């Protein structure tokens, strides 16, 4: 996942939203979208600012994830 949030005007979903499911963890703070066919988690949206998205960079056309510097992020303890 990207650590940065992308504004809605820089974010484009290239498949029909009907192909995506929506999941909420217990706190309902984040909309977690997933593919209904394969289960991959392509992006999420924080409910307090629905105009910003975090993106699974492996789902972005033209991004070579093997060339990225990976930074570990513990979402449980580093909110």
PDB file of N, CA and C in Angstrom:
ATOM      1  N   UNK A   1       0.841  -1.185   0.000  1.00  0.00           N
ATOM      2  CA  UNK A   1       0.000   0.000   0.000  1.00  0.00           C
ATOM      3  C   UNK A   1       0.875   1.233   0.000  1.00  0.00           C
ATOM      4  N   UNK A   2       0.386   2.248  -0.640  1.00  0.00           N
ATOM      5  CA  UNK A   2       1.083   3.527  -0.601  1.00  0.00           C
ATOM      6  C   UNK A   2       0.954   4.103   0.803  1.00  0.00           C
ATOM      7  N   UNK A   3       2.015   4.714   1.276  1.00  0.00           N
ATOM      8  CA  UNK A   3       1.906   5.429   2.552  1.00  0.00           C
ATOM      9  C   UNK A   3       1.211   6.765   2.344  1.00  0.00           C
ATOM     10  N   UNK A   4       1.418   7.331   1.168  1.00  0.00           N
ATOM     11  CA  UNK A   4       0.794   8.612   0.838  1.00  0.00           C
ATOM     12  C   UNK A   4      -0.663   8.399   0.442  1.00  0.00           C
ATOM     13  N   UNK A   5      -1.447   9.419   0.660  1.00  0.00           N
ATOM     14  CA  UNK A   5      -2.829   9.440   0.196  1.00  0.00           C
ATOM     15  C   UNK A   5      -2.882  10.234  -1.103  1.00  0.00           C
ATOM     16  N   UNK A   6      -3.698   9.768  -2.040  1.00  0.00           N
ATOM     17  CA  UNK A   6      -3.849  10.436  -3.317  1.00  0.00           C
ATOM     18  C   UNK A   6      -5.202  11.135  -3.358  1.00  0.00           C
ATOM     19  N   UNK A   7      -5.227  12.403  -3.803  1.00  0.00           N
ATOM     20  CA  UNK A   7      -6.508  13.092  -3.913  1.00  0.00           C
ATOM     21  C   UNK A   7      -7.359  12.488  -5.022  1.00  0.00           C
ATOM     22  N   UNK A   8      -8.659  12.632  -4.888  1.00  0.00           N
ATOM     23  CA  UNK A   8      -9.598  12.030  -5.837  1.00  0.00           C
ATOM     24  C   UNK A   8      -9.313  12.444  -7.275  1.00  0.00           C
ATOM     25  N   UNK A   9      -8.827  13.663  -7.496  1.00  0.00           N
ATOM     26  CA  UNK A   9      -8.579  14.113  -8.870  1.00  0.00           C
ATOM     27  C   UNK A   9      -7.338  13.466  -9.485  1.00  0.00           C
ATOM     28  N   UNK A  10      -6.551  12.722  -8.694  1.00  0.00           N
ATOM     29  CA  UNK A  10      -5.396  11.993  -9.205  1.00  0.00           C
ATOM     30  C   UNK A  10      -5.624  10.479  -9.157  1.00  0.00           C
ATOM     31  N   UNK A  11      -6.848  10.082  -8.927  1.00  0.00           N
ATOM     32  CA  UNK A  11      -7.178   8.678  -8.714  1.00  0.00           C
ATOM     33  C   UNK A  11      -8.251   8.259  -9.704  1.00  0.00           C
ATOM     34  N   UNK A  12      -8.030   7.141 -10.394  1.00  0.00           N
ATOM     35  CA  UNK A  12      -8.985   6.665 -11.373  1.00  0.00           C
ATOM     36  C   UNK A  12      -9.098   5.142 -11.276  1.00  0.00           C
ATOM     37  N   UNK A  13     -10.299   4.647 -11.104  1.00  0.00           N
ATOM     38  CA  UNK A  13     -10.553   3.210 -11.086  1.00  0.00           C
ATOM     39  C   UNK A  13     -10.930   2.798 -12.504  1.00  0.00           C
ATOM     40  N   UNK A  14     -10.176   1.858 -13.078  1.00  0.00           N
ATOM     41  CA  UNK A  14     -10.365   1.491 -14.482  1.00  0.00           C
ATOM     42  C   UNK A  14     -11.280   0.297 -14.699  1.00  0.00           C
ATOM     43  N   UNK A  15     -12.003  -0.096 -13.679  1.00  0.00           N
ATOM     44  CA  UNK A  15     -12.977  -1.181 -13.815  1.00  0.00           C
ATOM     45  C   UNK A  15     -14.300  -0.697 -13.236  1.00  0.00           C
ATOM     46  N   UNK A  16     -15.398  -1.301 -13.617  1.00  0.00           N
ATOM     47  CA  UNK A  16     -16.684  -0.913 -13.021  1.00  0.00           C
ATOM     48  C   UNK A  16     -16.685  -1.173 -11.513  1.00  0.00           C
ATOM     49  N   UNK A  17     -17.162  -0.225 -10.750  1.00  0.00           N
ATOM     50  CA  UNK A  17     -17.207  -0.389  -9.287  1.00  0.00           C
ATOM     51  C   UNK A  17     -18.078  -1.566  -8.869  1.00  0.00           C
ATOM     52  N   UNK A  18     -18.960  -2.024  -9.754  1.00  0.00           N
ATOM     53  CA  UNK A  18     -19.793  -3.187  -9.436  1.00  0.00           C
ATOM     54  C   UNK A  18     -18.959  -4.458  -9.308  1.00  0.00           C
ATOM     55  N   UNK A  19     -17.713  -4.452  -9.835  1.00  0.00           N
ATOM     56  CA  UNK A  19     -16.829  -5.610  -9.702  1.00  0.00           C
ATOM     57  C   UNK A  19     -16.080  -5.607  -8.373  1.00  0.00           C
ATOM     58  N   UNK A  20     -16.253  -4.556  -7.592  1.00  0.00           N
ATOM     59  CA  UNK A  20     -15.558  -4.445  -6.309  1.00  0.00           C
ATOM     60  C   UNK A  20     -16.531  -4.641  -5.161  1.00  0.00           C
ATOM     61  N   UNK A  21     -16.041  -5.279  -4.115  1.00  0.00           N
ATOM     62  CA  UNK A  21     -16.787  -5.390  -2.881  1.00  0.00           C
ATOM     63  C   UNK A  21     -16.264  -4.360  -1.898  1.00  0.00           C
ATOM     64  N   UNK A  22     -16.957  -4.169  -0.817  1.00  0.00           N
ATOM     65  CA  UNK A  22     -16.576  -3.196   0.204  1.00  0.00           C
ATOM     66  C   UNK A  22     -16.581  -3.883   1.558  1.00  0.00           C
ATOM     67  N   UNK A  23     -15.503  -3.688   2.305  1.00  0.00           N
ATOM     68  CA  UNK A  23     -15.389  -4.310   3.622  1.00  0.00           C
ATOM     69  C   UNK A  23     -15.051  -3.245   4.651  1.00  0.00           C
ATOM     70  N   UNK A  24     -15.648  -3.361   5.828  1.00  0.00           N
ATOM     71  CA  UNK A  24     -15.338  -2.477   6.955  1.00  0.00           C
ATOM     72  C   UNK A  24     -14.888  -3.323   8.130  1.00  0.00           C
ATOM     73  N   UNK A  25     -13.740  -2.971   8.706  1.00  0.00           N
ATOM     74  CA  UNK A  25     -13.326  -3.583   9.962  1.00  0.00           C
ATOM     75  C   UNK A  25     -14.251  -3.057  11.041  1.00  0.00           C
ATOM     76  N   UNK A  26     -14.101  -3.505  12.250  1.00  0.00           N
ATOM     77  CA  UNK A  26     -14.993  -3.165  13.352  1.00  0.00           C
ATOM     78  C   UNK A  26     -15.201  -1.684  13.595  1.00  0.00           C
ATOM     79  N   UNK A  27     -14.172  -0.854  13.353  1.00  0.00           N
ATOM     80  CA  UNK A  27     -14.305   0.578  13.643  1.00  0.00           C
ATOM     81  C   UNK A  27     -14.995   1.362  12.530  1.00  0.00           C
ATOM     82  N   UNK A  28     -15.156   0.767  11.347  1.00  0.00           N
ATOM     83  CA  UNK A  28     -15.801   1.410  10.201  1.00  0.00           C
ATOM     84  C   UNK A  28     -15.143   2.719   9.769  1.00  0.00           C
ATOM     85  N   UNK A  29     -13.867   2.914  10.104  1.00  0.00           N
ATOM     86  CA  UNK A  29     -13.177   4.153   9.753  1.00  0.00           C
ATOM     87  C   UNK A  29     -12.692   4.193   8.311  1.00  0.00           C
ATOM     88  N   UNK A  30     -12.529   3.032   7.694  1.00  0.00           N
ATOM     89  CA  UNK A  30     -11.937   2.963   6.360  1.00  0.00           C
ATOM     90  C   UNK A  30     -12.804   2.082   5.463  1.00  0.00           C
ATOM     91  N   UNK A  31     -13.026   2.559   4.228  1.00  0.00           N
ATOM     92  CA  UNK A  31     -13.677   1.741   3.213  1.00  0.00           C
ATOM     93  C   UNK A  31     -12.594   0.928   2.518  1.00  0.00           C
ATOM     94  N   UNK A  32     -12.589  -0.374   2.706  1.00  0.00           N
ATOM     95  CA  UNK A  32     -11.615  -1.276   2.073  1.00  0.00           C
ATOM     96  C   UNK A  32     -12.295  -1.918   0.868  1.00  0.00           C
ATOM     97  N   UNK A  33     -11.831  -1.594  -0.318  1.00  0.00           N
ATOM     98  CA  UNK A  33     -12.394  -2.166  -1.534  1.00  0.00           C
ATOM     99  C   UNK A  33     -11.602  -3.403  -1.929  1.00  0.00           C
ATOM    100  N   UNK A  34     -12.282  -4.412  -2.442  1.00  0.00           N
ATOM    101  CA  UNK A  34     -11.614  -5.631  -2.882  1.00  0.00           C
ATOM    102  C   UNK A  34     -12.292  -6.156  -4.134  1.00  0.00           C
ATOM    103  N   UNK A  35     -11.532  -6.891  -4.936  1.00  0.00           N
ATOM    104  CA  UNK A  35     -12.054  -7.499  -6.157  1.00  0.00           C
ATOM    105  C   UNK A  35     -12.930  -8.690  -5.779  1.00  0.00           C
ATOM    106  N   UNK A  36     -14.148  -8.730  -6.292  1.00  0.00           N
ATOM    107  CA  UNK A  36     -15.054  -9.842  -6.009  1.00  0.00           C
ATOM    108  C   UNK A  36     -14.599 -11.143  -6.661  1.00  0.00           C
ATOM    109  N   UNK A  37     -13.739 -11.057  -7.692  1.00  0.00           N
ATOM    110  CA  UNK A  37     -13.281 -12.257  -8.389  1.00  0.00           C
ATOM    111  C   UNK A  37     -12.044 -12.869  -7.744  1.00  0.00           C
ATOM    112  N   UNK A  38     -11.033 -12.045  -7.443  1.00  0.00           N
ATOM    113  CA  UNK A  38      -9.760 -12.605  -6.958  1.00  0.00           C
ATOM    114  C   UNK A  38      -9.453 -12.240  -5.505  1.00  0.00           C
ATOM    115  N   UNK A  39     -10.167 -11.273  -4.944  1.00  0.00           N
ATOM    116  CA  UNK A  39      -9.976 -10.905  -3.551  1.00  0.00           C
ATOM    117  C   UNK A  39      -8.900  -9.871  -3.290  1.00  0.00           C
ATOM    118  N   UNK A  40      -8.185  -9.423  -4.328  1.00  0.00           N
ATOM    119  CA  UNK A  40      -7.125  -8.438  -4.104  1.00  0.00           C
ATOM    120  C   UNK A  40      -7.715  -7.124  -3.594  1.00  0.00           C
ATOM    121  N   UNK A  41      -6.923  -6.417  -2.804  1.00  0.00           N
ATOM    122  CA  UNK A  41      -7.318  -5.181  -2.145  1.00  0.00           C
ATOM    123  C   UNK A  41      -6.637  -4.022  -2.881  1.00  0.00           C
ATOM    124  N   UNK A  42      -7.294  -3.405  -3.885  1.00  0.00           N
ATOM    125  CA  UNK A  42      -6.621  -2.403  -4.708  1.00  0.00           C
ATOM    126  C   UNK A  42      -6.494  -1.012  -4.089  1.00  0.00           C
ATOM    127  N   UNK A  43      -7.435  -0.635  -3.224  1.00  0.00           N
ATOM    128  CA  UNK A  43      -7.366   0.699  -2.634  1.00  0.00           C
ATOM    129  C   UNK A  43      -8.296   0.800  -1.443  1.00  0.00           C
ATOM    130  N   UNK A  44      -8.087   1.863  -0.674  1.00  0.00           N
ATOM    131  CA  UNK A  44      -9.014   2.153   0.407  1.00  0.00           C
ATOM    132  C   UNK A  44      -9.256   3.651   0.494  1.00  0.00           C
ATOM    133  N   UNK A  45     -10.282   4.005   1.225  1.00  0.00           N
ATOM    134  CA  UNK A  45     -10.666   5.404   1.401  1.00  0.00           C
ATOM    135  C   UNK A  45     -11.033   5.597   2.871  1.00  0.00           C
ATOM    136  N   UNK A  46     -10.461   6.622   3.477  1.00  0.00           N
ATOM    137  CA  UNK A  46     -10.754   6.920   4.880  1.00  0.00           C
ATOM    138  C   UNK A  46     -12.076   7.681   4.941  1.00  0.00           C
ATOM    139  N   UNK A  47     -12.963   7.252   5.806  1.00  0.00           N
ATOM    140  CA  UNK A  47     -14.299   7.850   5.862  1.00  0.00           C
ATOM    141  C   UNK A  47     -14.322   9.305   6.306  1.00  0.00           C
ATOM    142  N   UNK A  48     -13.311   9.751   7.074  1.00  0.00           N
ATOM    143  CA  UNK A  48     -13.319  11.151   7.507  1.00  0.00           C
ATOM    144  C   UNK A  48     -12.880  12.102   6.398  1.00  0.00           C
ATOM    145  N   UNK A  49     -12.265  11.574   5.337  1.00  0.00           N
ATOM    146  CA  UNK A  49     -11.877  12.386   4.187  1.00  0.00           C
ATOM    147  C   UNK A  49     -12.037  11.533   2.940  1.00  0.00           C
ATOM    148  N   UNK A  50     -13.262  11.468   2.430  1.00  0.00           N
ATOM    149  CA  UNK A  50     -13.581  10.556   1.342  1.00  0.00           C
ATOM    150  C   UNK A  50     -12.995  10.980  -0.002  1.00  0.00           C
ATOM    151  N   UNK A  51     -12.254  12.066  -0.027  1.00  0.00           N
ATOM    152  CA  UNK A  51     -11.615  12.522  -1.266  1.00  0.00           C
ATOM    153  C   UNK A  51     -10.153  12.102  -1.342  1.00  0.00           C
ATOM    154  N   UNK A  52      -9.697  11.239  -0.416  1.00  0.00           N
ATOM    155  CA  UNK A  52      -8.312  10.767  -0.428  1.00  0.00           C
ATOM    156  C   UNK A  52      -8.269   9.252  -0.386  1.00  0.00           C
ATOM    157  N   UNK A  53      -7.346   8.690  -1.165  1.00  0.00           N
ATOM    158  CA  UNK A  53      -7.248   7.244  -1.324  1.00  0.00           C
ATOM    159  C   UNK A  53      -5.821   6.766  -1.087  1.00  0.00           C
ATOM    160  N   UNK A  54      -5.674   5.596  -0.463  1.00  0.00           N
ATOM    161  CA  UNK A  54      -4.404   4.868  -0.425  1.00  0.00           C
ATOM    162  C   UNK A  54      -4.527   3.743  -1.434  1.00  0.00           C
ATOM    163  N   UNK A  55      -3.422   3.445  -2.107  1.00  0.00           N
ATOM    164  CA  UNK A  55      -3.472   2.563  -3.261  1.00  0.00           C
ATOM    165  C   UNK A  55      -2.514   1.389  -3.091  1.00  0.00           C
ATOM    166  N   UNK A  56      -2.949   0.202  -3.501  1.00  0.00           N
ATOM    167  CA  UNK A  56      -2.087  -0.957  -3.603  1.00  0.00           C
ATOM    168  C   UNK A  56      -1.260  -0.737  -4.864  1.00  0.00           C
ATOM    169  N   UNK A  57       0.006  -0.400  -4.723  1.00  0.00           N
ATOM    170  CA  UNK A  57       0.843  -0.022  -5.860  1.00  0.00           C
ATOM    171  C   UNK A  57       1.043  -1.163  -6.847  1.00  0.00           C
ATOM    172  N   UNK A  58       0.828  -2.387  -6.418  1.00  0.00           N
ATOM    173  CA  UNK A  58       0.885  -3.519  -7.325  1.00  0.00           C
ATOM    174  C   UNK A  58      -0.268  -3.538  -8.314  1.00  0.00           C
ATOM    175  N   UNK A  59      -1.274  -2.720  -8.081  1.00  0.00           N
ATOM    176  CA  UNK A  59      -2.433  -2.643  -8.976  1.00  0.00           C
ATOM    177  C   UNK A  59      -2.360  -1.449  -9.929  1.00  0.00           C
ATOM    178  N   UNK A  60      -1.285  -0.693  -9.872  1.00  0.00           N
ATOM    179  CA  UNK A  60      -1.175   0.516 -10.688  1.00  0.00           C
ATOM    180  C   UNK A  60      -0.422   0.197 -11.973  1.00  0.00           C
ATOM    181  N   UNK A  61      -1.058   0.466 -13.111  1.00  0.00           N
ATOM    182  CA  UNK A  61      -0.414   0.252 -14.407  1.00  0.00           C
ATOM    183  C   UNK A  61       0.879   1.047 -14.481  1.00  0.00           C
ATOM    184  N   UNK A  62       1.936   0.408 -14.955  1.00  0.00           N
ATOM    185  CA  UNK A  62       3.205   1.094 -15.175  1.00  0.00           C
ATOM    186  C   UNK A  62       4.124   1.155 -13.968  1.00  0.00           C
ATOM    187  N   UNK A  63       3.681   0.680 -12.811  1.00  0.00           N
ATOM    188  CA  UNK A  63       4.526   0.677 -11.618  1.00  0.00           C
ATOM    189  C   UNK A  63       5.212  -0.679 -11.505  1.00  0.00           C
ATOM    190  N   UNK A  64       6.542  -0.664 -11.451  1.00  0.00           N
ATOM    191  CA  UNK A  64       7.323  -1.881 -11.254  1.00  0.00           C
ATOM    192  C   UNK A  64       7.616  -1.989  -9.761  1.00  0.00           C
ATOM    193  N   UNK A  65       6.871  -2.817  -9.075  1.00  0.00           N
ATOM    194  CA  UNK A  65       7.010  -2.884  -7.613  1.00  0.00           C
ATOM    195  C   UNK A  65       8.381  -3.380  -7.183  1.00  0.00           C
ATOM    196  N   UNK A  66       9.087  -4.095  -8.068  1.00  0.00           N
ATOM    197  CA  UNK A  66      10.440  -4.545  -7.736  1.00  0.00           C
ATOM    198  C   UNK A  66      11.426  -3.383  -7.685  1.00  0.00           C
ATOM    199  N   UNK A  67      11.065  -2.250  -8.236  1.00  0.00           N
ATOM    200  CA  UNK A  67      11.929  -1.071  -8.238  1.00  0.00           C
ATOM    201  C   UNK A  67      11.614  -0.114  -7.084  1.00  0.00           C
ATOM    202  N   UNK A  68      10.599  -0.406  -6.312  1.00  0.00           N
ATOM    203  CA  UNK A  68      10.196   0.479  -5.206  1.00  0.00           C
ATOM    204  C   UNK A  68      11.011   0.199  -3.955  1.00  0.00           C
ATOM    205  N   UNK A  69      11.254   1.233  -3.185  1.00  0.00           N
ATOM    206  CA  UNK A  69      11.835   1.077  -1.858  1.00  0.00           C
ATOM    207  C   UNK A  69      10.682   0.770  -0.913  1.00  0.00           C
ATOM    208  N   UNK A  70      10.760  -0.366  -0.269  1.00  0.00           N
ATOM    209  CA  UNK A  70       9.674  -0.804   0.602  1.00  0.00           C
ATOM    210  C   UNK A  70       9.919  -0.310   2.026  1.00  0.00           C
ATOM    211  N   UNK A  71       8.904   0.301   2.592  1.00  0.00           N
ATOM    212  CA  UNK A  71       8.958   0.754   3.980  1.00  0.00           C
ATOM    213  C   UNK A  71       7.897  -0.015   4.745  1.00  0.00           C
ATOM    214  N   UNK A  72       8.316  -0.756   5.743  1.00  0.00           N
ATOM    215  CA  UNK A  72       7.357  -1.506   6.546  1.00  0.00           C
ATOM    216  C   UNK A  72       6.524  -0.548   7.371  1.00  0.00           C
ATOM    217  N   UNK A  73       5.249  -0.891   7.518  1.00  0.00           N
ATOM    218  CA  UNK A  73       4.304  -0.049   8.245  1.00  0.00           C
ATOM    219  C   UNK A  73       3.408  -0.959   9.074  1.00  0.00           C
ATOM    220  N   UNK A  74       3.411  -0.754  10.361  1.00  0.00           N
ATOM    221  CA  UNK A  74       2.593  -1.519  11.276  1.00  0.00           C
ATOM    222  C   UNK A  74       1.335  -0.707  11.560  1.00  0.00           C
ATOM    223  N   UNK A  75       0.278  -0.960  10.811  1.00  0.00           N
ATOM    224  CA  UNK A  75      -0.947  -0.186  10.954  1.00  0.00           C
ATOM    225  C   UNK A  75      -1.642  -0.343  12.290  1.00  0.00           C
ATOM    226  N   UNK A  76      -1.341  -1.394  12.997  1.00  0.00           N
ATOM    227  CA  UNK A  76      -1.966  -1.601  14.307  1.00  0.00           C
ATOM    228  C   UNK A  76      -1.420  -0.630  15.330  1.00  0.00           C
ATOM    229  N   UNK A  77      -0.106  -0.426  15.329  1.00  0.00           N
ATOM    230  CA  UNK A  77       0.537   0.393  16.358  1.00  0.00           C
ATOM    231  C   UNK A  77       0.914   1.791  15.895  1.00  0.00           C
ATOM    232  N   UNK A  78       0.897   2.039  14.579  1.00  0.00           N
ATOM    233  CA  UNK A  78       1.359   3.311  14.039  1.00  0.00           C
ATOM    234  C   UNK A  78       0.254   4.049  13.325  1.00  0.00           C
ATOM    235  N   UNK A  79      -0.843   4.263  13.961  1.00  0.00           N
ATOM    236  CA  UNK A  79      -1.974   4.922  13.306  1.00  0.00           C
ATOM    237  C   UNK A  79      -1.780   6.373  13.196  1.00  0.00           C
TER     238      UNK A  79
END
